[in-house]
Amino acid sequence: MTQITKEKLKEWLVAALIRALKTWAQAGVAYIGTSAVGILGFDWVGFFSITGMAFVLSILTSIAGLPEVSNGETLPSIMTTVEASHAKEE
């Protein structure tokens, strides 16, 4: 794998994780906002269930493309580039 494709893949991974963490936090704030209870009575299982699903959905959505990555590249296009460069090396 060439240095350029490694960098592009790393750039995509970092951007996808940052976006997913932001989505996780936003879903958490929304969930907390709908629960008018104290910390001891809070439904932590529900919180992590909802925010975890938001995180996963964000990662899956990012596969279609991230505007934060150069030209909004999709993961499949990056992986195709990686595979093509790997084939050239062999």
Foldseek 3Di string as FASTA:
>chain_A
DDPVLVVLVVQLVVQLQVQLVVQLVVQLVVQVVVDPDDPVPDDVVVSCVRSVVSSVVSSVVCQVFDPSGVVRDHPVVSVVVVVVVVVVVD
